[in-house]
Amino acid sequence: MEDDKTPKSIPDQQINIELSEEIAEGIYSNLAMIAHSNSEFVVDFIRLMPGVPKAKVKSRIIMTPDHAKRLLAALKDNIEKYENAFGKINNGGGVPQFPVNFGGRPGEA
């Protein structure tokens, strides 16, 4: 006899995810800023270029706190897998330091 408390098998659901060529190219970002409210997390991905006083937000992702926590867990899992395969990531701490001449000659007035 089957117990009513036994979880019933849920059929596997497939999700088809489309990735356009434009999105597949990706956006380079070397800085992220995170803000939150009681109902959402906002992650701005920024491209910061040395010697340029203005940086542009290249992408903004808005998600629920639940999804933000799942993203954190997924990143942690993937970083562990990366470090097991390629060695420890040395984050260097602080703001990344770029060479003075990174990106070409300094501008002239």
PDB file of N, CA and C in Angstrom:
ATOM      1  N   MET A   1       0.844  -1.169   0.000  1.00  0.00           N
ATOM      2  CA  MET A   1       0.000   0.000   0.000  1.00  0.00           C
ATOM      3  C   MET A   1       0.895   1.241   0.000  1.00  0.00           C
ATOM      4  N   GLU A   2       0.526   2.230  -0.796  1.00  0.00           N
ATOM      5  CA  GLU A   2       1.330   3.429  -0.936  1.00  0.00           C
ATOM      6  C   GLU A   2       0.980   4.415   0.164  1.00  0.00           C
ATOM      7  N   ASP A   3       1.992   4.962   0.797  1.00  0.00           N
ATOM      8  CA  ASP A   3       1.807   5.948   1.854  1.00  0.00           C
ATOM      9  C   ASP A   3       1.470   7.302   1.227  1.00  0.00           C
ATOM     10  N   ASP A   4       0.463   7.991   1.766  1.00  0.00           N
ATOM     11  CA  ASP A   4       0.056   9.288   1.226  1.00  0.00           C
ATOM     12  C   ASP A   4       1.154  10.347   1.379  1.00  0.00           C
ATOM     13  N   LYS A   5       2.107  10.133   2.301  1.00  0.00           N
ATOM     14  CA  LYS A   5       3.168  11.108   2.528  1.00  0.00           C
ATOM     15  C   LYS A   5       4.354  10.909   1.588  1.00  0.00           C
ATOM     16  N   THR A   6       4.354   9.831   0.831  1.00  0.00           N
ATOM     17  CA  THR A   6       5.441   9.579  -0.105  1.00  0.00           C
ATOM     18  C   THR A   6       5.336  10.558  -1.263  1.00  0.00           C
ATOM     19  N   PRO A   7       6.454  11.298  -1.554  1.00  0.00           N
ATOM     20  CA  PRO A   7       6.373  12.250  -2.657  1.00  0.00           C
ATOM     21  C   PRO A   7       6.146  11.526  -3.980  1.00  0.00           C
ATOM     22  N   LYS A   8       5.297  12.101  -4.786  1.00  0.00           N
ATOM     23  CA  LYS A   8       5.015  11.513  -6.086  1.00  0.00           C
ATOM     24  C   LYS A   8       6.073  11.962  -7.070  1.00  0.00           C
ATOM     25  N   SER A   9       6.390  11.122  -7.985  1.00  0.00           N
ATOM     26  CA  SER A   9       7.392  11.421  -8.995  1.00  0.00           C
ATOM     27  C   SER A   9       6.900  12.558  -9.884  1.00  0.00           C
ATOM     28  N   ILE A  10       7.758  13.573 -10.030  1.00  0.00           N
ATOM     29  CA  ILE A  10       7.434  14.702 -10.889  1.00  0.00           C
ATOM     30  C   ILE A  10       8.172  14.492 -12.205  1.00  0.00           C
ATOM     31  N   PRO A  11       7.464  14.536 -13.320  1.00  0.00           N
ATOM     32  CA  PRO A  11       8.144  14.324 -14.593  1.00  0.00           C
ATOM     33  C   PRO A  11       9.157  15.435 -14.847  1.00  0.00           C
ATOM     34  N   ASP A  12      10.286  15.061 -15.482  1.00  0.00           N
ATOM     35  CA  ASP A  12      11.308  16.050 -15.816  1.00  0.00           C
ATOM     36  C   ASP A  12      10.740  17.065 -16.793  1.00  0.00           C
ATOM     37  N   GLN A  13      10.976  18.320 -16.485  1.00  0.00           N
ATOM     38  CA  GLN A  13      10.546  19.386 -17.378  1.00  0.00           C
ATOM     39  C   GLN A  13      11.770  19.937 -18.084  1.00  0.00           C
ATOM     40  N   GLN A  14      11.652  20.142 -19.383  1.00  0.00           N
ATOM     41  CA  GLN A  14      12.745  20.711 -20.150  1.00  0.00           C
ATOM     42  C   GLN A  14      12.439  22.162 -20.457  1.00  0.00           C
ATOM     43  N   ILE A  15      13.477  22.976 -20.394  1.00  0.00           N
ATOM     44  CA  ILE A  15      13.358  24.372 -20.753  1.00  0.00           C
ATOM     45  C   ILE A  15      14.254  24.608 -21.953  1.00  0.00           C
ATOM     46  N   ASN A  16      13.682  25.124 -23.005  1.00  0.00           N
ATOM     47  CA  ASN A  16      14.471  25.481 -24.179  1.00  0.00           C
ATOM     48  C   ASN A  16      14.952  26.910 -24.018  1.00  0.00           C
ATOM     49  N   ILE A  17      16.262  27.087 -24.043  1.00  0.00           N
ATOM     50  CA  ILE A  17      16.850  28.409 -23.876  1.00  0.00           C
ATOM     51  C   ILE A  17      17.470  28.830 -25.199  1.00  0.00           C
ATOM     52  N   GLU A  18      17.066  29.987 -25.686  1.00  0.00           N
ATOM     53  CA  GLU A  18      17.617  30.515 -26.927  1.00  0.00           C
ATOM     54  C   GLU A  18      18.724  31.507 -26.612  1.00  0.00           C
ATOM     55  N   LEU A  19      19.771  31.471 -27.426  1.00  0.00           N
ATOM     56  CA  LEU A  19      20.899  32.378 -27.265  1.00  0.00           C
ATOM     57  C   LEU A  19      21.201  32.983 -28.628  1.00  0.00           C
ATOM     58  N   SER A  20      20.867  34.262 -28.777  1.00  0.00           N
ATOM     59  CA  SER A  20      21.101  34.921 -30.068  1.00  0.00           C
ATOM     60  C   SER A  20      22.602  35.128 -30.277  1.00  0.00           C
ATOM     61  N   GLU A  21      23.003  35.328 -31.513  1.00  0.00           N
ATOM     62  CA  GLU A  21      24.420  35.557 -31.822  1.00  0.00           C
ATOM     63  C   GLU A  21      24.940  36.795 -31.109  1.00  0.00           C
ATOM     64  N   GLU A  22      24.127  37.840 -31.076  1.00  0.00           N
ATOM     65  CA  GLU A  22      24.547  39.088 -30.429  1.00  0.00           C
ATOM     66  C   GLU A  22      24.822  38.870 -28.940  1.00  0.00           C
ATOM     67  N   ILE A  23      23.929  38.190 -28.264  1.00  0.00           N
ATOM     68  CA  ILE A  23      24.108  37.932 -26.833  1.00  0.00           C
ATOM     69  C   ILE A  23      25.255  36.952 -26.608  1.00  0.00           C
ATOM     70  N   ALA A  24      25.430  35.982 -27.491  1.00  0.00           N
ATOM     71  CA  ALA A  24      26.488  34.979 -27.349  1.00  0.00           C
ATOM     72  C   ALA A  24      27.877  35.612 -27.383  1.00  0.00           C
ATOM     73  N   GLU A  25      28.009  36.767 -28.046  1.00  0.00           N
ATOM     74  CA  GLU A  25      29.306  37.452 -28.094  1.00  0.00           C
ATOM     75  C   GLU A  25      29.723  37.939 -26.711  1.00  0.00           C
ATOM     76  N   GLY A  26      28.776  38.222 -25.858  1.00  0.00           N
ATOM     77  CA  GLY A  26      29.065  38.659 -24.502  1.00  0.00           C
ATOM     78  C   GLY A  26      29.459  40.121 -24.414  1.00  0.00           C
ATOM     79  N   ILE A  27      29.549  40.605 -23.196  1.00  0.00           N
ATOM     80  CA  ILE A  27      29.952  41.969 -22.896  1.00  0.00           C
ATOM     81  C   ILE A  27      31.078  41.878 -21.877  1.00  0.00           C
ATOM     82  N   TYR A  28      32.196  42.535 -22.156  1.00  0.00           N
ATOM     83  CA  TYR A  28      33.308  42.526 -21.207  1.00  0.00           C
ATOM     84  C   TYR A  28      33.022  43.494 -20.070  1.00  0.00           C
ATOM     85  N   SER A  29      33.252  43.039 -18.851  1.00  0.00           N
ATOM     86  CA  SER A  29      33.074  43.864 -17.665  1.00  0.00           C
ATOM     87  C   SER A  29      34.207  43.552 -16.694  1.00  0.00           C
ATOM     88  N   ASN A  30      34.780  44.598 -16.099  1.00  0.00           N
ATOM     89  CA  ASN A  30      35.823  44.382 -15.099  1.00  0.00           C
ATOM     90  C   ASN A  30      35.466  45.024 -13.752  1.00  0.00           C
ATOM     91  N   LEU A  31      34.195  45.376 -13.609  1.00  0.00           N
ATOM     92  CA  LEU A  31      33.716  45.940 -12.345  1.00  0.00           C
ATOM     93  C   LEU A  31      32.224  45.667 -12.235  1.00  0.00           C
ATOM     94  N   ALA A  32      31.778  45.304 -11.065  1.00  0.00           N
ATOM     95  CA  ALA A  32      30.347  45.114 -10.828  1.00  0.00           C
ATOM     96  C   ALA A  32      29.968  45.870  -9.565  1.00  0.00           C
ATOM     97  N   MET A  33      28.826  46.515  -9.613  1.00  0.00           N
ATOM     98  CA  MET A  33      28.296  47.203  -8.434  1.00  0.00           C
ATOM     99  C   MET A  33      26.927  46.607  -8.142  1.00  0.00           C
ATOM    100  N   ILE A  34      26.665  46.366  -6.865  1.00  0.00           N
ATOM    101  CA  ILE A  34      25.428  45.694  -6.464  1.00  0.00           C
ATOM    102  C   ILE A  34      24.671  46.580  -5.483  1.00  0.00           C
ATOM    103  N   ALA A  35      23.376  46.719  -5.721  1.00  0.00           N
ATOM    104  CA  ALA A  35      22.486  47.436  -4.810  1.00  0.00           C
ATOM    105  C   ALA A  35      21.272  46.543  -4.569  1.00  0.00           C
ATOM    106  N   HIS A  36      20.547  46.829  -3.507  1.00  0.00           N
ATOM    107  CA  HIS A  36      19.359  46.014  -3.242  1.00  0.00           C
ATOM    108  C   HIS A  36      18.299  46.820  -2.494  1.00  0.00           C
ATOM    109  N   SER A  37      17.087  46.341  -2.627  1.00  0.00           N
ATOM    110  CA  SER A  37      15.964  46.843  -1.845  1.00  0.00           C
ATOM    111  C   SER A  37      15.367  45.632  -1.147  1.00  0.00           C
ATOM    112  N   ASN A  38      14.212  45.782  -0.550  1.00  0.00           N
ATOM    113  CA  ASN A  38      13.598  44.634   0.115  1.00  0.00           C
ATOM    114  C   ASN A  38      13.038  43.626  -0.886  1.00  0.00           C
ATOM    115  N   SER A  39      12.923  44.011  -2.156  1.00  0.00           N
ATOM    116  CA  SER A  39      12.302  43.097  -3.119  1.00  0.00           C
ATOM    117  C   SER A  39      13.174  42.729  -4.314  1.00  0.00           C
ATOM    118  N   GLU A  40      14.349  43.367  -4.465  1.00  0.00           N
ATOM    119  CA  GLU A  40      15.171  43.047  -5.621  1.00  0.00           C
ATOM    120  C   GLU A  40      16.637  43.379  -5.403  1.00  0.00           C
ATOM    121  N   PHE A  41      17.482  42.705  -6.171  1.00  0.00           N
ATOM    122  CA  PHE A  41      18.904  42.998  -6.247  1.00  0.00           C
ATOM    123  C   PHE A  41      19.175  43.545  -7.638  1.00  0.00           C
ATOM    124  N   VAL A  42      20.006  44.569  -7.712  1.00  0.00           N
ATOM    125  CA  VAL A  42      20.388  45.161  -8.987  1.00  0.00           C
ATOM    126  C   VAL A  42      21.900  45.026  -9.114  1.00  0.00           C
ATOM    127  N   VAL A  43      22.341  44.370 -10.196  1.00  0.00           N
ATOM    128  CA  VAL A  43      23.767  44.192 -10.448  1.00  0.00           C
ATOM    129  C   VAL A  43      24.099  44.943 -11.733  1.00  0.00           C
ATOM    130  N   ASP A  44      24.954  45.946 -11.613  1.00  0.00           N
ATOM    131  CA  ASP A  44      25.428  46.692 -12.772  1.00  0.00           C
ATOM    132  C   ASP A  44      26.818  46.180 -13.137  1.00  0.00           C
ATOM    133  N   PHE A  45      26.983  45.776 -14.386  1.00  0.00           N
ATOM    134  CA  PHE A  45      28.278  45.341 -14.898  1.00  0.00           C
ATOM    135  C   PHE A  45      28.871  46.507 -15.676  1.00  0.00           C
ATOM    136  N   ILE A  46      30.081  46.891 -15.293  1.00  0.00           N
ATOM    137  CA  ILE A  46      30.702  48.123 -15.774  1.00  0.00           C
ATOM    138  C   ILE A  46      32.032  47.797 -16.447  1.00  0.00           C
ATOM    139  N   ARG A  47      32.355  48.571 -17.477  1.00  0.00           N
ATOM    140  CA  ARG A  47      33.672  48.474 -18.103  1.00  0.00           C
ATOM    141  C   ARG A  47      34.444  49.721 -17.714  1.00  0.00           C
ATOM    142  N   LEU A  48      35.496  49.512 -16.924  1.00  0.00           N
ATOM    143  CA  LEU A  48      36.336  50.597 -16.438  1.00  0.00           C
ATOM    144  C   LEU A  48      37.637  50.581 -17.222  1.00  0.00           C
ATOM    145  N   MET A  49      37.964  51.693 -17.872  1.00  0.00           N
ATOM    146  CA  MET A  49      39.197  51.777 -18.641  1.00  0.00           C
ATOM    147  C   MET A  49      40.172  52.705 -17.923  1.00  0.00           C
ATOM    148  N   PRO A  50      41.419  52.276 -17.794  1.00  0.00           N
ATOM    149  CA  PRO A  50      42.420  53.103 -17.113  1.00  0.00           C
ATOM    150  C   PRO A  50      42.611  54.442 -17.826  1.00  0.00           C
ATOM    151  N   GLY A  51      42.792  55.475 -17.045  1.00  0.00           N
ATOM    152  CA  GLY A  51      43.029  56.796 -17.599  1.00  0.00           C
ATOM    153  C   GLY A  51      41.771  57.492 -18.093  1.00  0.00           C
ATOM    154  N   VAL A  52      40.644  56.821 -18.031  1.00  0.00           N
ATOM    155  CA  VAL A  52      39.387  57.415 -18.465  1.00  0.00           C
ATOM    156  C   VAL A  52      38.541  57.626 -17.208  1.00  0.00           C
ATOM    157  N   PRO A  53      38.235  58.882 -16.885  1.00  0.00           N
ATOM    158  CA  PRO A  53      37.544  59.152 -15.622  1.00  0.00           C
ATOM    159  C   PRO A  53      36.080  58.727 -15.603  1.00  0.00           C
ATOM    160  N   LYS A  54      35.542  58.356 -16.755  1.00  0.00           N
ATOM    161  CA  LYS A  54      34.128  57.992 -16.831  1.00  0.00           C
ATOM    162  C   LYS A  54      34.014  56.525 -17.236  1.00  0.00           C
ATOM    163  N   ALA A  55      33.216  55.771 -16.524  1.00  0.00           N
ATOM    164  CA  ALA A  55      32.983  54.359 -16.845  1.00  0.00           C
ATOM    165  C   ALA A  55      31.524  54.171 -17.227  1.00  0.00           C
ATOM    166  N   LYS A  56      31.282  53.220 -18.123  1.00  0.00           N
ATOM    167  CA  LYS A  56      29.918  52.985 -18.585  1.00  0.00           C
ATOM    168  C   LYS A  56      29.374  51.677 -18.034  1.00  0.00           C
ATOM    169  N   VAL A  57      28.112  51.718 -17.612  1.00  0.00           N
ATOM    170  CA  VAL A  57      27.413  50.489 -17.267  1.00  0.00           C
ATOM    171  C   VAL A  57      27.094  49.800 -18.589  1.00  0.00           C
ATOM    172  N   LYS A  58      27.568  48.562 -18.747  1.00  0.00           N
ATOM    173  CA  LYS A  58      27.364  47.825 -19.986  1.00  0.00           C
ATOM    174  C   LYS A  58      26.140  46.930 -19.925  1.00  0.00           C
ATOM    175  N   SER A  59      25.753  46.536 -18.714  1.00  0.00           N
ATOM    176  CA  SER A  59      24.581  45.685 -18.555  1.00  0.00           C
ATOM    177  C   SER A  59      24.060  45.807 -17.127  1.00  0.00           C
ATOM    178  N   ARG A  60      22.748  45.768 -16.976  1.00  0.00           N
ATOM    179  CA  ARG A  60      22.122  45.800 -15.655  1.00  0.00           C
ATOM    180  C   ARG A  60      21.213  44.588 -15.545  1.00  0.00           C
ATOM    181  N   ILE A  61      21.400  43.820 -14.481  1.00  0.00           N
ATOM    182  CA  ILE A  61      20.577  42.645 -14.216  1.00  0.00           C
ATOM    183  C   ILE A  61      19.812  42.891 -12.920  1.00  0.00           C
ATOM    184  N   ILE A  62      18.505  42.704 -12.967  1.00  0.00           N
ATOM    185  CA  ILE A  62      17.649  42.881 -11.795  1.00  0.00           C
ATOM    186  C   ILE A  62      17.034  41.529 -11.468  1.00  0.00           C
ATOM    187  N   MET A  63      17.151  41.114 -10.209  1.00  0.00           N
ATOM    188  CA  MET A  63      16.634  39.801  -9.820  1.00  0.00           C
ATOM    189  C   MET A  63      16.060  39.829  -8.415  1.00  0.00           C
ATOM    190  N   THR A  64      15.260  38.819  -8.113  1.00  0.00           N
ATOM    191  CA  THR A  64      14.681  38.699  -6.775  1.00  0.00           C
ATOM    192  C   THR A  64      15.771  38.263  -5.790  1.00  0.00           C
ATOM    193  N   PRO A  65      15.582  38.504  -4.485  1.00  0.00           N
ATOM    194  CA  PRO A  65      16.552  38.030  -3.496  1.00  0.00           C
ATOM    195  C   PRO A  65      16.781  36.518  -3.580  1.00  0.00           C
ATOM    196  N   ASP A  66      15.728  35.755  -3.851  1.00  0.00           N
ATOM    197  CA  ASP A  66      15.855  34.303  -3.984  1.00  0.00           C
ATOM    198  C   ASP A  66      16.789  33.938  -5.136  1.00  0.00           C
ATOM    199  N   HIS A  67      16.609  34.594  -6.275  1.00  0.00           N
ATOM    200  CA  HIS A  67      17.477  34.322  -7.419  1.00  0.00           C
ATOM    201  C   HIS A  67      18.906  34.798  -7.168  1.00  0.00           C
ATOM    202  N   ALA A  68      19.078  35.909  -6.454  1.00  0.00           N
ATOM    203  CA  ALA A  68      20.409  36.401  -6.123  1.00  0.00           C
ATOM    204  C   ALA A  68      21.153  35.378  -5.268  1.00  0.00           C
ATOM    205  N   LYS A  69      20.441  34.774  -4.327  1.00  0.00           N
ATOM    206  CA  LYS A  69      21.079  33.778  -3.459  1.00  0.00           C
ATOM    207  C   LYS A  69      21.449  32.524  -4.255  1.00  0.00           C
ATOM    208  N   ARG A  70      20.593  32.135  -5.201  1.00  0.00           N
ATOM    209  CA  ARG A  70      20.914  30.991  -6.060  1.00  0.00           C
ATOM    210  C   ARG A  70      22.103  31.297  -6.970  1.00  0.00           C
ATOM    211  N   LEU A  71      22.186  32.546  -7.444  1.00  0.00           N
ATOM    212  CA  LEU A  71      23.332  32.944  -8.259  1.00  0.00           C
ATOM    213  C   LEU A  71      24.622  32.866  -7.440  1.00  0.00           C
ATOM    214  N   LEU A  72      24.572  33.334  -6.203  1.00  0.00           N
ATOM    215  CA  LEU A  72      25.725  33.253  -5.314  1.00  0.00           C
ATOM    216  C   LEU A  72      26.183  31.798  -5.150  1.00  0.00           C
ATOM    217  N   ALA A  73      25.244  30.896  -4.913  1.00  0.00           N
ATOM    218  CA  ALA A  73      25.587  29.475  -4.748  1.00  0.00           C
ATOM    219  C   ALA A  73      26.173  28.895  -6.033  1.00  0.00           C
ATOM    220  N   ALA A  74      25.601  29.269  -7.179  1.00  0.00           N
ATOM    221  CA  ALA A  74      26.101  28.766  -8.463  1.00  0.00           C
ATOM    222  C   ALA A  74      27.506  29.293  -8.746  1.00  0.00           C
ATOM    223  N   LEU A  75      27.749  30.573  -8.442  1.00  0.00           N
ATOM    224  CA  LEU A  75      29.093  31.130  -8.622  1.00  0.00           C
ATOM    225  C   LEU A  75      30.101  30.435  -7.712  1.00  0.00           C
ATOM    226  N   LYS A  76      29.723  30.226  -6.457  1.00  0.00           N
ATOM    227  CA  LYS A  76      30.608  29.547  -5.510  1.00  0.00           C
ATOM    228  C   LYS A  76      30.952  28.150  -6.013  1.00  0.00           C
ATOM    229  N   ASP A  77      29.953  27.413  -6.480  1.00  0.00           N
ATOM    230  CA  ASP A  77      30.167  26.062  -6.993  1.00  0.00           C
ATOM    231  C   ASP A  77      31.101  26.083  -8.204  1.00  0.00           C
ATOM    232  N   ASN A  78      30.879  27.010  -9.110  1.00  0.00           N
ATOM    233  CA  ASN A  78      31.703  27.080 -10.314  1.00  0.00           C
ATOM    234  C   ASN A  78      33.121  27.544 -10.015  1.00  0.00           C
ATOM    235  N   ILE A  79      33.298  28.436  -9.064  1.00  0.00           N
ATOM    236  CA  ILE A  79      34.648  28.858  -8.675  1.00  0.00           C
ATOM    237  C   ILE A  79      35.404  27.688  -8.062  1.00  0.00           C
ATOM    238  N   GLU A  80      34.737  26.901  -7.223  1.00  0.00           N
ATOM    239  CA  GLU A  80      35.379  25.714  -6.645  1.00  0.00           C
ATOM    240  C   GLU A  80      35.803  24.743  -7.742  1.00  0.00           C
ATOM    241  N   LYS A  81      34.944  24.507  -8.718  1.00  0.00           N
ATOM    242  CA  LYS A  81      35.278  23.610  -9.825  1.00  0.00           C
ATOM    243  C   LYS A  81      36.443  24.160 -10.648  1.00  0.00           C
ATOM    244  N   TYR A  82      36.437  25.466 -10.904  1.00  0.00           N
ATOM    245  CA  TYR A  82      37.524  26.105 -11.652  1.00  0.00           C
ATOM    246  C   TYR A  82      38.849  25.930 -10.904  1.00  0.00           C
ATOM    247  N   GLU A  83      38.846  26.232  -9.590  1.00  0.00           N
ATOM    248  CA  GLU A  83      40.076  26.141  -8.809  1.00  0.00           C
ATOM    249  C   GLU A  83      40.571  24.711  -8.694  1.00  0.00           C
ATOM    250  N   ASN A  84      39.669  23.740  -8.656  1.00  0.00           N
ATOM    251  CA  ASN A  84      40.090  22.339  -8.645  1.00  0.00           C
ATOM    252  C   ASN A  84      40.768  21.952  -9.957  1.00  0.00           C
ATOM    253  N   ALA A  85      40.317  22.535 -11.055  1.00  0.00           N
ATOM    254  CA  ALA A  85      40.869  22.210 -12.366  1.00  0.00           C
ATOM    255  C   ALA A  85      42.120  23.025 -12.696  1.00  0.00           C
ATOM    256  N   PHE A  86      42.154  24.317 -12.304  1.00  0.00           N
ATOM    257  CA  PHE A  86      43.215  25.211 -12.774  1.00  0.00           C
ATOM    258  C   PHE A  86      44.051  25.843 -11.674  1.00  0.00           C
ATOM    259  N   GLY A  87      43.704  25.617 -10.417  1.00  0.00           N
ATOM    260  CA  GLY A  87      44.442  26.223  -9.315  1.00  0.00           C
ATOM    261  C   GLY A  87      43.710  27.416  -8.734  1.00  0.00           C
ATOM    262  N   LYS A  88      44.179  27.815  -7.565  1.00  0.00           N
ATOM    263  CA  LYS A  88      43.532  28.887  -6.812  1.00  0.00           C
ATOM    264  C   LYS A  88      43.566  30.208  -7.575  1.00  0.00           C
ATOM    265  N   ILE A  89      42.464  30.927  -7.519  1.00  0.00           N
ATOM    266  CA  ILE A  89      42.373  32.254  -8.118  1.00  0.00           C
ATOM    267  C   ILE A  89      42.944  33.246  -7.110  1.00  0.00           C
ATOM    268  N   ASN A  90      43.935  34.010  -7.536  1.00  0.00           N
ATOM    269  CA  ASN A  90      44.520  35.027  -6.675  1.00  0.00           C
ATOM    270  C   ASN A  90      43.841  36.345  -6.995  1.00  0.00           C
ATOM    271  N   ASN A  91      42.950  36.797  -6.116  1.00  0.00           N
ATOM    272  CA  ASN A  91      42.191  38.010  -6.412  1.00  0.00           C
ATOM    273  C   ASN A  91      42.972  39.287  -6.185  1.00  0.00           C
ATOM    274  N   GLY A  92      44.132  39.222  -5.562  1.00  0.00           N
ATOM    275  CA  GLY A  92      44.980  40.397  -5.412  1.00  0.00           C
ATOM    276  C   GLY A  92      44.447  41.463  -4.470  1.00  0.00           C
ATOM    277  N   GLY A  93      43.178  41.419  -4.166  1.00  0.00           N
ATOM    278  CA  GLY A  93      42.582  42.384  -3.238  1.00  0.00           C
ATOM    279  C   GLY A  93      42.528  43.785  -3.809  1.00  0.00           C
ATOM    280  N   GLY A  94      41.562  44.540  -3.399  1.00  0.00           N
ATOM    281  CA  GLY A  94      41.449  45.931  -3.804  1.00  0.00           C
ATOM    282  C   GLY A  94      41.054  46.124  -5.256  1.00  0.00           C
ATOM    283  N   VAL A  95      41.208  47.364  -5.699  1.00  0.00           N
ATOM    284  CA  VAL A  95      40.860  47.750  -7.063  1.00  0.00           C
ATOM    285  C   VAL A  95      41.972  47.294  -8.001  1.00  0.00           C
ATOM    286  N   PRO A  96      41.632  46.743  -9.169  1.00  0.00           N
ATOM    287  CA  PRO A  96      42.678  46.318 -10.085  1.00  0.00           C
ATOM    288  C   PRO A  96      43.556  47.493 -10.501  1.00  0.00           C
ATOM    289  N   GLN A  97      44.847  47.242 -10.584  1.00  0.00           N
ATOM    290  CA  GLN A  97      45.797  48.267 -10.997  1.00  0.00           C
ATOM    291  C   GLN A  97      46.181  48.017 -12.448  1.00  0.00           C
ATOM    292  N   PHE A  98      46.005  49.026 -13.290  1.00  0.00           N
ATOM    293  CA  PHE A  98      46.353  48.931 -14.696  1.00  0.00           C
ATOM    294  C   PHE A  98      47.664  49.663 -14.937  1.00  0.00           C
ATOM    295  N   PRO A  99      48.454  49.226 -15.910  1.00  0.00           N
ATOM    296  CA  PRO A  99      49.663  49.976 -16.252  1.00  0.00           C
ATOM    297  C   PRO A  99      49.292  51.391 -16.694  1.00  0.00           C
ATOM    298  N   VAL A 100      50.192  52.340 -16.474  1.00  0.00           N
ATOM    299  CA  VAL A 100      49.920  53.741 -16.800  1.00  0.00           C
ATOM    300  C   VAL A 100      49.611  53.897 -18.287  1.00  0.00           C
ATOM    301  N   ASN A 101      50.287  53.143 -19.147  1.00  0.00           N
ATOM    302  CA  ASN A 101      50.080  53.301 -20.579  1.00  0.00           C
ATOM    303  C   ASN A 101      49.101  52.295 -21.161  1.00  0.00           C
ATOM    304  N   PHE A 102      48.319  51.654 -20.307  1.00  0.00           N
ATOM    305  CA  PHE A 102      47.337  50.686 -20.771  1.00  0.00           C
ATOM    306  C   PHE A 102      46.338  51.376 -21.703  1.00  0.00           C
ATOM    307  N   GLY A 103      46.141  50.833 -22.860  1.00  0.00           N
ATOM    308  CA  GLY A 103      45.153  51.390 -23.786  1.00  0.00           C
ATOM    309  C   GLY A 103      45.717  52.471 -24.691  1.00  0.00           C
ATOM    310  N   GLY A 104      47.032  52.628 -24.765  1.00  0.00           N
ATOM    311  CA  GLY A 104      47.593  53.599 -25.687  1.00  0.00           C
ATOM    312  C   GLY A 104      48.168  54.818 -24.996  1.00  0.00           C
ATOM    313  N   ARG A 105      48.501  55.810 -25.808  1.00  0.00           N
ATOM    314  CA  ARG A 105      49.091  57.041 -25.301  1.00  0.00           C
ATOM    315  C   ARG A 105      48.077  57.864 -24.546  1.00  0.00           C
ATOM    316  N   PRO A 106      48.524  58.606 -23.534  1.00  0.00           N
ATOM    317  CA  PRO A 106      47.593  59.498 -22.838  1.00  0.00           C
ATOM    318  C   PRO A 106      47.123  60.599 -23.773  1.00  0.00           C
ATOM    319  N   GLY A 107      45.946  61.111 -23.537  1.00  0.00           N
ATOM    320  CA  GLY A 107      45.374  62.152 -24.388  1.00  0.00           C
ATOM    321  C   GLY A 107      46.136  63.463 -24.232  1.00  0.00           C
ATOM    322  N   GLU A 108      46.092  64.246 -25.299  1.00  0.00           N
ATOM    323  CA  GLU A 108      46.746  65.560 -25.285  1.00  0.00           C
ATOM    324  C   GLU A 108      45.699  66.625 -25.556  1.00  0.00           C
ATOM    325  N   ALA A 109      45.890  67.798 -24.942  1.00  0.00           N
ATOM    326  CA  ALA A 109      44.936  68.899 -25.140  1.00  0.00           C
ATOM    327  C   ALA A 109      45.400  69.800 -26.268  1.00  0.00           C
TER     328      ALA A 109
END
